[in-house]
Amino acid sequence: MIRVLLSERIKKTADKLPPDVREKAAKAIADVGSAFGDPHQHRGLGLRKLARRSYEIRVHLQWRVVFIHDGKVLVAYDVMNHDEVSLWLKGQRK
């Protein structure tokens, strides 16, 4: 089990989400701590590696929770749509 921390950014974004999406995101964040590192549980959650230290979980048709793994903890960084995730990844690679 890995500890999951919430960034200030995700807290601000979550306040702007519809209640049903916010609930799904909260559940995904809670579930990822126990599943991280177990590929069989990853599939059930839809956890997918994006880059060297970043992962995402799809929590709704268009919304994803992006996590950053710093070696000891997972940081729930933000809730983004697919296009925002793509733009964010391009910025990370520079």
PDB file of N, CA and C in Angstrom:
ATOM      1  N   MET A   1       0.842  -1.183   0.000  1.00  0.00           N
ATOM      2  CA  MET A   1       0.000   0.000   0.000  1.00  0.00           C
ATOM      3  C   MET A   1       0.888   1.247   0.000  1.00  0.00           C
ATOM      4  N   ILE A   2       0.543   2.188  -0.825  1.00  0.00           N
ATOM      5  CA  ILE A   2       1.309   3.427  -0.923  1.00  0.00           C
ATOM      6  C   ILE A   2       0.434   4.589  -0.434  1.00  0.00           C
ATOM      7  N   ARG A   3       1.075   5.541   0.180  1.00  0.00           N
ATOM      8  CA  ARG A   3       0.346   6.716   0.670  1.00  0.00           C
ATOM      9  C   ARG A   3       0.032   7.652  -0.493  1.00  0.00           C
ATOM     10  N   VAL A   4      -1.183   8.186  -0.494  1.00  0.00           N
ATOM     11  CA  VAL A   4      -1.617   9.104  -1.552  1.00  0.00           C
ATOM     12  C   VAL A   4      -1.879  10.468  -0.921  1.00  0.00           C
ATOM     13  N   LEU A   5      -1.222  11.488  -1.455  1.00  0.00           N
ATOM     14  CA  LEU A   5      -1.404  12.861  -0.984  1.00  0.00           C
ATOM     15  C   LEU A   5      -2.167  13.660  -2.025  1.00  0.00           C
ATOM     16  N   LEU A   6      -2.892  14.664  -1.572  1.00  0.00           N
ATOM     17  CA  LEU A   6      -3.625  15.545  -2.479  1.00  0.00           C
ATOM     18  C   LEU A   6      -2.859  16.844  -2.654  1.00  0.00           C
ATOM     19  N   SER A   7      -2.689  17.260  -3.893  1.00  0.00           N
ATOM     20  CA  SER A   7      -2.043  18.542  -4.156  1.00  0.00           C
ATOM     21  C   SER A   7      -3.059  19.659  -3.954  1.00  0.00           C
ATOM     22  N   GLU A   8      -2.569  20.861  -3.756  1.00  0.00           N
ATOM     23  CA  GLU A   8      -3.457  22.026  -3.648  1.00  0.00           C
ATOM     24  C   GLU A   8      -4.212  22.232  -4.959  1.00  0.00           C
ATOM     25  N   ARG A   9      -3.553  21.921  -6.048  1.00  0.00           N
ATOM     26  CA  ARG A   9      -4.164  22.084  -7.373  1.00  0.00           C
ATOM     27  C   ARG A   9      -5.415  21.218  -7.527  1.00  0.00           C
ATOM     28  N   ILE A  10      -5.339  19.944  -7.097  1.00  0.00           N
ATOM     29  CA  ILE A  10      -6.493  19.060  -7.251  1.00  0.00           C
ATOM     30  C   ILE A  10      -7.630  19.480  -6.326  1.00  0.00           C
ATOM     31  N   LYS A  11      -7.297  20.013  -5.187  1.00  0.00           N
ATOM     32  CA  LYS A  11      -8.340  20.487  -4.270  1.00  0.00           C
ATOM     33  C   LYS A  11      -9.134  21.629  -4.900  1.00  0.00           C
ATOM     34  N   LYS A  12      -8.445  22.540  -5.560  1.00  0.00           N
ATOM     35  CA  LYS A  12      -9.118  23.663  -6.220  1.00  0.00           C
ATOM     36  C   LYS A  12      -9.945  23.187  -7.411  1.00  0.00           C
ATOM     37  N   THR A  13      -9.385  22.274  -8.190  1.00  0.00           N
ATOM     38  CA  THR A  13     -10.093  21.760  -9.355  1.00  0.00           C
ATOM     39  C   THR A  13     -11.336  20.985  -8.933  1.00  0.00           C
ATOM     40  N   ALA A  14     -11.227  20.188  -7.890  1.00  0.00           N
ATOM     41  CA  ALA A  14     -12.347  19.356  -7.442  1.00  0.00           C
ATOM     42  C   ALA A  14     -13.553  20.200  -7.040  1.00  0.00           C
ATOM     43  N   ASP A  15     -13.305  21.372  -6.488  1.00  0.00           N
ATOM     44  CA  ASP A  15     -14.407  22.253  -6.093  1.00  0.00           C
ATOM     45  C   ASP A  15     -15.248  22.694  -7.280  1.00  0.00           C
ATOM     46  N   LYS A  16     -14.665  22.691  -8.463  1.00  0.00           N
ATOM     47  CA  LYS A  16     -15.356  23.160  -9.668  1.00  0.00           C
ATOM     48  C   LYS A  16     -16.054  22.038 -10.446  1.00  0.00           C
ATOM     49  N   LEU A  17     -15.837  20.790 -10.026  1.00  0.00           N
ATOM     50  CA  LEU A  17     -16.402  19.651 -10.743  1.00  0.00           C
ATOM     51  C   LEU A  17     -17.844  19.393 -10.338  1.00  0.00           C
ATOM     52  N   PRO A  18     -18.623  18.769 -11.226  1.00  0.00           N
ATOM     53  CA  PRO A  18     -19.969  18.337 -10.838  1.00  0.00           C
ATOM     54  C   PRO A  18     -19.874  17.315  -9.699  1.00  0.00           C
ATOM     55  N   PRO A  19     -20.864  17.264  -8.818  1.00  0.00           N
ATOM     56  CA  PRO A  19     -20.801  16.363  -7.656  1.00  0.00           C
ATOM     57  C   PRO A  19     -20.557  14.893  -7.998  1.00  0.00           C
ATOM     58  N   ASP A  20     -21.161  14.381  -9.077  1.00  0.00           N
ATOM     59  CA  ASP A  20     -20.962  12.972  -9.413  1.00  0.00           C
ATOM     60  C   ASP A  20     -19.524  12.691  -9.840  1.00  0.00           C
ATOM     61  N   VAL A  21     -18.921  13.596 -10.570  1.00  0.00           N
ATOM     62  CA  VAL A  21     -17.520  13.427 -10.992  1.00  0.00           C
ATOM     63  C   VAL A  21     -16.601  13.543  -9.775  1.00  0.00           C
ATOM     64  N   ARG A  22     -16.899  14.475  -8.891  1.00  0.00           N
ATOM     65  CA  ARG A  22     -16.110  14.650  -7.674  1.00  0.00           C
ATOM     66  C   ARG A  22     -16.125  13.370  -6.832  1.00  0.00           C
ATOM     67  N   GLU A  23     -17.295  12.734  -6.717  1.00  0.00           N
ATOM     68  CA  GLU A  23     -17.412  11.483  -5.962  1.00  0.00           C
ATOM     69  C   GLU A  23     -16.589  10.371  -6.594  1.00  0.00           C
ATOM     70  N   LYS A  24     -16.681  10.238  -7.907  1.00  0.00           N
ATOM     71  CA  LYS A  24     -15.921   9.198  -8.605  1.00  0.00           C
ATOM     72  C   LYS A  24     -14.416   9.432  -8.477  1.00  0.00           C
ATOM     73  N   ALA A  25     -14.008  10.689  -8.560  1.00  0.00           N
ATOM     74  CA  ALA A  25     -12.585  11.015  -8.414  1.00  0.00           C
ATOM     75  C   ALA A  25     -12.106  10.691  -7.004  1.00  0.00           C
ATOM     76  N   ALA A  26     -12.894  11.023  -5.995  1.00  0.00           N
ATOM     77  CA  ALA A  26     -12.523  10.737  -4.606  1.00  0.00           C
ATOM     78  C   ALA A  26     -12.389   9.238  -4.381  1.00  0.00           C
ATOM     79  N   LYS A  27     -13.303   8.455  -4.951  1.00  0.00           N
ATOM     80  CA  LYS A  27     -13.233   6.999  -4.797  1.00  0.00           C
ATOM     81  C   LYS A  27     -11.996   6.440  -5.493  1.00  0.00           C
ATOM     82  N   ALA A  28     -11.703   6.926  -6.688  1.00  0.00           N
ATOM     83  CA  ALA A  28     -10.524   6.457  -7.423  1.00  0.00           C
ATOM     84  C   ALA A  28      -9.246   6.775  -6.660  1.00  0.00           C
ATOM     85  N   ILE A  29      -9.172   7.964  -6.087  1.00  0.00           N
ATOM     86  CA  ILE A  29      -7.991   8.357  -5.315  1.00  0.00           C
ATOM     87  C   ILE A  29      -7.837   7.460  -4.093  1.00  0.00           C
ATOM     88  N   ALA A  30      -8.947   7.150  -3.431  1.00  0.00           N
ATOM     89  CA  ALA A  30      -8.895   6.273  -2.258  1.00  0.00           C
ATOM     90  C   ALA A  30      -8.472   4.852  -2.645  1.00  0.00           C
ATOM     91  N   ASP A  31      -8.951   4.362  -3.783  1.00  0.00           N
ATOM     92  CA  ASP A  31      -8.655   2.991  -4.206  1.00  0.00           C
ATOM     93  C   ASP A  31      -7.245   2.809  -4.742  1.00  0.00           C
ATOM     94  N   VAL A  32      -6.663   3.842  -5.313  1.00  0.00           N
ATOM     95  CA  VAL A  32      -5.357   3.690  -5.964  1.00  0.00           C
ATOM     96  C   VAL A  32      -4.250   3.382  -4.957  1.00  0.00           C
ATOM     97  N   GLY A  33      -4.367   3.855  -3.736  1.00  0.00           N
ATOM     98  CA  GLY A  33      -3.329   3.601  -2.731  1.00  0.00           C
ATOM     99  C   GLY A  33      -3.118   2.129  -2.463  1.00  0.00           C
ATOM    100  N   SER A  34      -4.193   1.363  -2.413  1.00  0.00           N
ATOM    101  CA  SER A  34      -4.064  -0.068  -2.137  1.00  0.00           C
ATOM    102  C   SER A  34      -3.733  -0.881  -3.384  1.00  0.00           C
ATOM    103  N   ALA A  35      -4.028  -0.347  -4.567  1.00  0.00           N
ATOM    104  CA  ALA A  35      -3.809  -1.090  -5.808  1.00  0.00           C
ATOM    105  C   ALA A  35      -2.465  -0.804  -6.464  1.00  0.00           C
ATOM    106  N   PHE A  36      -1.834   0.305  -6.122  1.00  0.00           N
ATOM    107  CA  PHE A  36      -0.606   0.701  -6.803  1.00  0.00           C
ATOM    108  C   PHE A  36       0.473  -0.357  -6.601  1.00  0.00           C
ATOM    109  N   GLY A  37       1.081  -0.765  -7.691  1.00  0.00           N
ATOM    110  CA  GLY A  37       2.130  -1.780  -7.636  1.00  0.00           C
ATOM    111  C   GLY A  37       1.624  -3.186  -7.923  1.00  0.00           C
ATOM    112  N   ASP A  38       0.306  -3.364  -8.022  1.00  0.00           N
ATOM    113  CA  ASP A  38      -0.291  -4.658  -8.334  1.00  0.00           C
ATOM    114  C   ASP A  38      -0.968  -4.556  -9.700  1.00  0.00           C
ATOM    115  N   PRO A  39      -0.314  -5.036 -10.758  1.00  0.00           N
ATOM    116  CA  PRO A  39      -0.841  -4.865 -12.115  1.00  0.00           C
ATOM    117  C   PRO A  39      -2.255  -5.411 -12.317  1.00  0.00           C
ATOM    118  N   HIS A  40      -2.621  -6.471 -11.588  1.00  0.00           N
ATOM    119  CA  HIS A  40      -3.968  -7.023 -11.751  1.00  0.00           C
ATOM    120  C   HIS A  40      -5.022  -6.054 -11.244  1.00  0.00           C
ATOM    121  N   GLN A  41      -4.738  -5.364 -10.163  1.00  0.00           N
ATOM    122  CA  GLN A  41      -5.683  -4.373  -9.647  1.00  0.00           C
ATOM    123  C   GLN A  41      -5.645  -3.097 -10.474  1.00  0.00           C
ATOM    124  N   HIS A  42      -4.498  -2.797 -11.079  1.00  0.00           N
ATOM    125  CA  HIS A  42      -4.397  -1.617 -11.951  1.00  0.00           C
ATOM    126  C   HIS A  42      -5.463  -1.678 -13.034  1.00  0.00           C
ATOM    127  N   ARG A  43      -5.618  -2.849 -13.624  1.00  0.00           N
ATOM    128  CA  ARG A  43      -6.574  -2.987 -14.724  1.00  0.00           C
ATOM    129  C   ARG A  43      -7.992  -2.712 -14.263  1.00  0.00           C
ATOM    130  N   GLY A  44      -8.340  -3.182 -13.080  1.00  0.00           N
ATOM    131  CA  GLY A  44      -9.678  -2.959 -12.554  1.00  0.00           C
ATOM    132  C   GLY A  44      -9.965  -1.487 -12.316  1.00  0.00           C
ATOM    133  N   LEU A  45      -8.946  -0.757 -11.918  1.00  0.00           N
ATOM    134  CA  LEU A  45      -9.105   0.677 -11.673  1.00  0.00           C
ATOM    135  C   LEU A  45      -8.958   1.507 -12.948  1.00  0.00           C
ATOM    136  N   GLY A  46      -8.293   0.943 -13.924  1.00  0.00           N
ATOM    137  CA  GLY A  46      -8.008   1.706 -15.138  1.00  0.00           C
ATOM    138  C   GLY A  46      -6.783   2.584 -14.966  1.00  0.00           C
ATOM    139  N   LEU A  47      -5.923   2.230 -14.015  1.00  0.00           N
ATOM    140  CA  LEU A  47      -4.689   2.990 -13.796  1.00  0.00           C
ATOM    141  C   LEU A  47      -3.742   2.724 -14.955  1.00  0.00           C
ATOM    142  N   ARG A  48      -3.221   3.796 -15.507  1.00  0.00           N
ATOM    143  CA  ARG A  48      -2.365   3.671 -16.687  1.00  0.00           C
ATOM    144  C   ARG A  48      -1.174   4.612 -16.550  1.00  0.00           C
ATOM    145  N   LYS A  49      -0.003   4.094 -16.893  1.00  0.00           N
ATOM    146  CA  LYS A  49       1.209   4.901 -16.846  1.00  0.00           C
ATOM    147  C   LYS A  49       1.232   5.848 -18.035  1.00  0.00           C
ATOM    148  N   LEU A  50       1.520   7.127 -17.755  1.00  0.00           N
ATOM    149  CA  LEU A  50       1.588   8.136 -18.818  1.00  0.00           C
ATOM    150  C   LEU A  50       3.020   8.402 -19.244  1.00  0.00           C
ATOM    151  N   ALA A  51       3.882   8.554 -18.271  1.00  0.00           N
ATOM    152  CA  ALA A  51       5.289   8.869 -18.508  1.00  0.00           C
ATOM    153  C   ALA A  51       6.090   8.241 -17.373  1.00  0.00           C
ATOM    154  N   ARG A  52       7.341   8.625 -17.256  1.00  0.00           N
ATOM    155  CA  ARG A  52       8.224   8.006 -16.269  1.00  0.00           C
ATOM    156  C   ARG A  52       7.657   8.034 -14.858  1.00  0.00           C
ATOM    157  N   ARG A  53       7.119   9.161 -14.415  1.00  0.00           N
ATOM    158  CA  ARG A  53       6.633   9.278 -13.036  1.00  0.00           C
ATOM    159  C   ARG A  53       5.148   9.614 -12.946  1.00  0.00           C
ATOM    160  N   SER A  54       4.437   9.599 -14.032  1.00  0.00           N
ATOM    161  CA  SER A  54       3.043  10.026 -13.989  1.00  0.00           C
ATOM    162  C   SER A  54       2.091   8.918 -14.444  1.00  0.00           C
ATOM    163  N   TYR A  55       0.916   8.927 -13.831  1.00  0.00           N
ATOM    164  CA  TYR A  55      -0.121   7.936 -14.076  1.00  0.00           C
ATOM    165  C   TYR A  55      -1.459   8.648 -14.170  1.00  0.00           C
ATOM    166  N   GLU A  56      -2.440   7.954 -14.717  1.00  0.00           N
ATOM    167  CA  GLU A  56      -3.796   8.501 -14.745  1.00  0.00           C
ATOM    168  C   GLU A  56      -4.805   7.396 -14.478  1.00  0.00           C
ATOM    169  N   ILE A  57      -5.949   7.823 -13.954  1.00  0.00           N
ATOM    170  CA  ILE A  57      -7.110   6.951 -13.808  1.00  0.00           C
ATOM    171  C   ILE A  57      -8.273   7.679 -14.455  1.00  0.00           C
ATOM    172  N   ARG A  58      -8.999   6.981 -15.285  1.00  0.00           N
ATOM    173  CA  ARG A  58     -10.194   7.566 -15.887  1.00  0.00           C
ATOM    174  C   ARG A  58     -11.342   7.420 -14.892  1.00  0.00           C
ATOM    175  N   VAL A  59     -11.926   8.546 -14.492  1.00  0.00           N
ATOM    176  CA  VAL A  59     -12.981   8.510 -13.478  1.00  0.00           C
ATOM    177  C   VAL A  59     -14.360   8.806 -14.048  1.00  0.00           C
ATOM    178  N   HIS A  60     -14.403   9.242 -15.272  1.00  0.00           N
ATOM    179  CA  HIS A  60     -15.656   9.579 -15.931  1.00  0.00           C
ATOM    180  C   HIS A  60     -15.374   9.532 -17.421  1.00  0.00           C
ATOM    181  N   LEU A  61     -16.379   9.684 -18.227  1.00  0.00           N
ATOM    182  CA  LEU A  61     -16.173   9.600 -19.673  1.00  0.00           C
ATOM    183  C   LEU A  61     -15.038  10.502 -20.142  1.00  0.00           C
ATOM    184  N   GLN A  62     -14.982  11.736 -19.652  1.00  0.00           N
ATOM    185  CA  GLN A  62     -13.941  12.646 -20.117  1.00  0.00           C
ATOM    186  C   GLN A  62     -12.906  13.002 -19.052  1.00  0.00           C
ATOM    187  N   TRP A  63     -13.146  12.705 -17.788  1.00  0.00           N
ATOM    188  CA  TRP A  63     -12.264  13.169 -16.719  1.00  0.00           C
ATOM    189  C   TRP A  63     -11.268  12.116 -16.271  1.00  0.00           C
ATOM    190  N   ARG A  64     -10.038  12.562 -16.011  1.00  0.00           N
ATOM    191  CA  ARG A  64      -8.970  11.703 -15.507  1.00  0.00           C
ATOM    192  C   ARG A  64      -8.331  12.351 -14.284  1.00  0.00           C
ATOM    193  N   VAL A  65      -7.918  11.521 -13.345  1.00  0.00           N
ATOM    194  CA  VAL A  65      -7.113  12.000 -12.219  1.00  0.00           C
ATOM    195  C   VAL A  65      -5.673  11.676 -12.572  1.00  0.00           C
ATOM    196  N   VAL A  66      -4.816  12.672 -12.521  1.00  0.00           N
ATOM    197  CA  VAL A  66      -3.398  12.500 -12.831  1.00  0.00           C
ATOM    198  C   VAL A  66      -2.625  12.416 -11.515  1.00  0.00           C
ATOM    199  N   PHE A  67      -1.768  11.406 -11.424  1.00  0.00           N
ATOM    200  CA  PHE A  67      -0.936  11.175 -10.242  1.00  0.00           C
ATOM    201  C   PHE A  67       0.527  11.322 -10.619  1.00  0.00           C
ATOM    202  N   ILE A  68       1.315  11.769  -9.662  1.00  0.00           N
ATOM    203  CA  ILE A  68       2.766  11.821  -9.828  1.00  0.00           C
ATOM    204  C   ILE A  68       3.372  10.960  -8.724  1.00  0.00           C
ATOM    205  N   HIS A  69       4.214  10.025  -9.137  1.00  0.00           N
ATOM    206  CA  HIS A  69       4.875   9.119  -8.190  1.00  0.00           C
ATOM    207  C   HIS A  69       6.272   9.649  -7.915  1.00  0.00           C
ATOM    208  N   ASP A  70       6.538   9.969  -6.663  1.00  0.00           N
ATOM    209  CA  ASP A  70       7.857  10.524  -6.336  1.00  0.00           C
ATOM    210  C   ASP A  70       8.781   9.501  -5.699  1.00  0.00           C
ATOM    211  N   GLY A  71       8.427   8.233  -5.761  1.00  0.00           N
ATOM    212  CA  GLY A  71       9.272   7.182  -5.204  1.00  0.00           C
ATOM    213  C   GLY A  71       8.745   6.655  -3.884  1.00  0.00           C
ATOM    214  N   LYS A  72       8.178   7.532  -3.063  1.00  0.00           N
ATOM    215  CA  LYS A  72       7.666   7.116  -1.755  1.00  0.00           C
ATOM    216  C   LYS A  72       6.154   7.276  -1.652  1.00  0.00           C
ATOM    217  N   VAL A  73       5.619   8.282  -2.286  1.00  0.00           N
ATOM    218  CA  VAL A  73       4.177   8.548  -2.227  1.00  0.00           C
ATOM    219  C   VAL A  73       3.651   8.849  -3.630  1.00  0.00           C
ATOM    220  N   LEU A  74       2.343   8.732  -3.757  1.00  0.00           N
ATOM    221  CA  LEU A  74       1.655   9.162  -4.974  1.00  0.00           C
ATOM    222  C   LEU A  74       0.984  10.485  -4.652  1.00  0.00           C
ATOM    223  N   VAL A  75       1.140  11.443  -5.514  1.00  0.00           N
ATOM    224  CA  VAL A  75       0.482  12.730  -5.327  1.00  0.00           C
ATOM    225  C   VAL A  75      -0.630  12.823  -6.368  1.00  0.00           C
ATOM    226  N   ALA A  76      -1.864  12.948  -5.886  1.00  0.00           N
ATOM    227  CA  ALA A  76      -2.985  13.186  -6.788  1.00  0.00           C
ATOM    228  C   ALA A  76      -2.846  14.637  -7.217  1.00  0.00           C
ATOM    229  N   TYR A  77      -2.376  14.847  -8.442  1.00  0.00           N
ATOM    230  CA  TYR A  77      -1.973  16.164  -8.908  1.00  0.00           C
ATOM    231  C   TYR A  77      -3.144  17.021  -9.372  1.00  0.00           C
ATOM    232  N   ASP A  78      -4.002  16.447 -10.248  1.00  0.00           N
ATOM    233  CA  ASP A  78      -5.096  17.250 -10.795  1.00  0.00           C
ATOM    234  C   ASP A  78      -6.132  16.342 -11.444  1.00  0.00           C
ATOM    235  N   VAL A  79      -7.306  16.907 -11.684  1.00  0.00           N
ATOM    236  CA  VAL A  79      -8.353  16.259 -12.473  1.00  0.00           C
ATOM    237  C   VAL A  79      -8.417  17.036 -13.782  1.00  0.00           C
ATOM    238  N   MET A  80      -8.239  16.320 -14.888  1.00  0.00           N
ATOM    239  CA  MET A  80      -8.172  16.969 -16.196  1.00  0.00           C
ATOM    240  C   MET A  80      -8.978  16.163 -17.209  1.00  0.00           C
ATOM    241  N   ASN A  81      -9.341  16.824 -18.302  1.00  0.00           N
ATOM    242  CA  ASN A  81      -9.936  16.061 -19.396  1.00  0.00           C
ATOM    243  C   ASN A  81      -8.797  15.518 -20.265  1.00  0.00           C
ATOM    244  N   HIS A  82      -9.155  14.696 -21.238  1.00  0.00           N
ATOM    245  CA  HIS A  82      -8.145  14.027 -22.059  1.00  0.00           C
ATOM    246  C   HIS A  82      -7.204  15.019 -22.752  1.00  0.00           C
ATOM    247  N   ASP A  83      -7.762  16.081 -23.305  1.00  0.00           N
ATOM    248  CA  ASP A  83      -6.938  17.066 -24.018  1.00  0.00           C
ATOM    249  C   ASP A  83      -5.983  17.790 -23.071  1.00  0.00           C
ATOM    250  N   GLU A  84      -6.460  18.117 -21.876  1.00  0.00           N
ATOM    251  CA  GLU A  84      -5.594  18.786 -20.889  1.00  0.00           C
ATOM    252  C   GLU A  84      -4.449  17.879 -20.458  1.00  0.00           C
ATOM    253  N   VAL A  85      -4.737  16.585 -20.316  1.00  0.00           N
ATOM    254  CA  VAL A  85      -3.676  15.627 -19.967  1.00  0.00           C
ATOM    255  C   VAL A  85      -2.620  15.602 -21.065  1.00  0.00           C
ATOM    256  N   SER A  86      -3.052  15.571 -22.314  1.00  0.00           N
ATOM    257  CA  SER A  86      -2.103  15.556 -23.443  1.00  0.00           C
ATOM    258  C   SER A  86      -1.222  16.801 -23.450  1.00  0.00           C
ATOM    259  N   LEU A  87      -1.831  17.962 -23.255  1.00  0.00           N
ATOM    260  CA  LEU A  87      -1.056  19.215 -23.207  1.00  0.00           C
ATOM    261  C   LEU A  87      -0.092  19.223 -22.024  1.00  0.00           C
ATOM    262  N   TRP A  88      -0.553  18.754 -20.874  1.00  0.00           N
ATOM    263  CA  TRP A  88       0.291  18.707 -19.681  1.00  0.00           C
ATOM    264  C   TRP A  88       1.496  17.797 -19.923  1.00  0.00           C
ATOM    265  N   LEU A  89       1.267  16.643 -20.558  1.00  0.00           N
ATOM    266  CA  LEU A  89       2.369  15.728 -20.844  1.00  0.00           C
ATOM    267  C   LEU A  89       3.389  16.343 -21.792  1.00  0.00           C
ATOM    268  N   LYS A  90       2.933  17.065 -22.790  1.00  0.00           N
ATOM    269  CA  LYS A  90       3.857  17.726 -23.707  1.00  0.00           C
ATOM    270  C   LYS A  90       4.724  18.724 -22.963  1.00  0.00           C
ATOM    271  N   GLY A  91       4.144  19.451 -22.021  1.00  0.00           N
ATOM    272  CA  GLY A  91       4.898  20.404 -21.219  1.00  0.00           C
ATOM    273  C   GLY A  91       5.900  19.729 -20.293  1.00  0.00           C
ATOM    274  N   GLN A  92       5.592  18.517 -19.828  1.00  0.00           N
ATOM    275  CA  GLN A  92       6.494  17.781 -18.948  1.00  0.00           C
ATOM    276  C   GLN A  92       7.715  17.245 -19.684  1.00  0.00           C
ATOM    277  N   ARG A  93       7.567  17.011 -20.946  1.00  0.00           N
ATOM    278  CA  ARG A  93       8.665  16.399 -21.732  1.00  0.00           C
ATOM    279  C   ARG A  93       9.709  17.406 -22.179  1.00  0.00           C
ATOM    280  N   LYS A  94       9.436  18.677 -22.028  1.00  0.00           N
ATOM    281  CA  LYS A  94      10.397  19.692 -22.493  1.00  0.00           C
ATOM    282  C   LYS A  94      11.487  19.893 -21.496  1.00  0.00           C
TER     283      LYS A  94
END
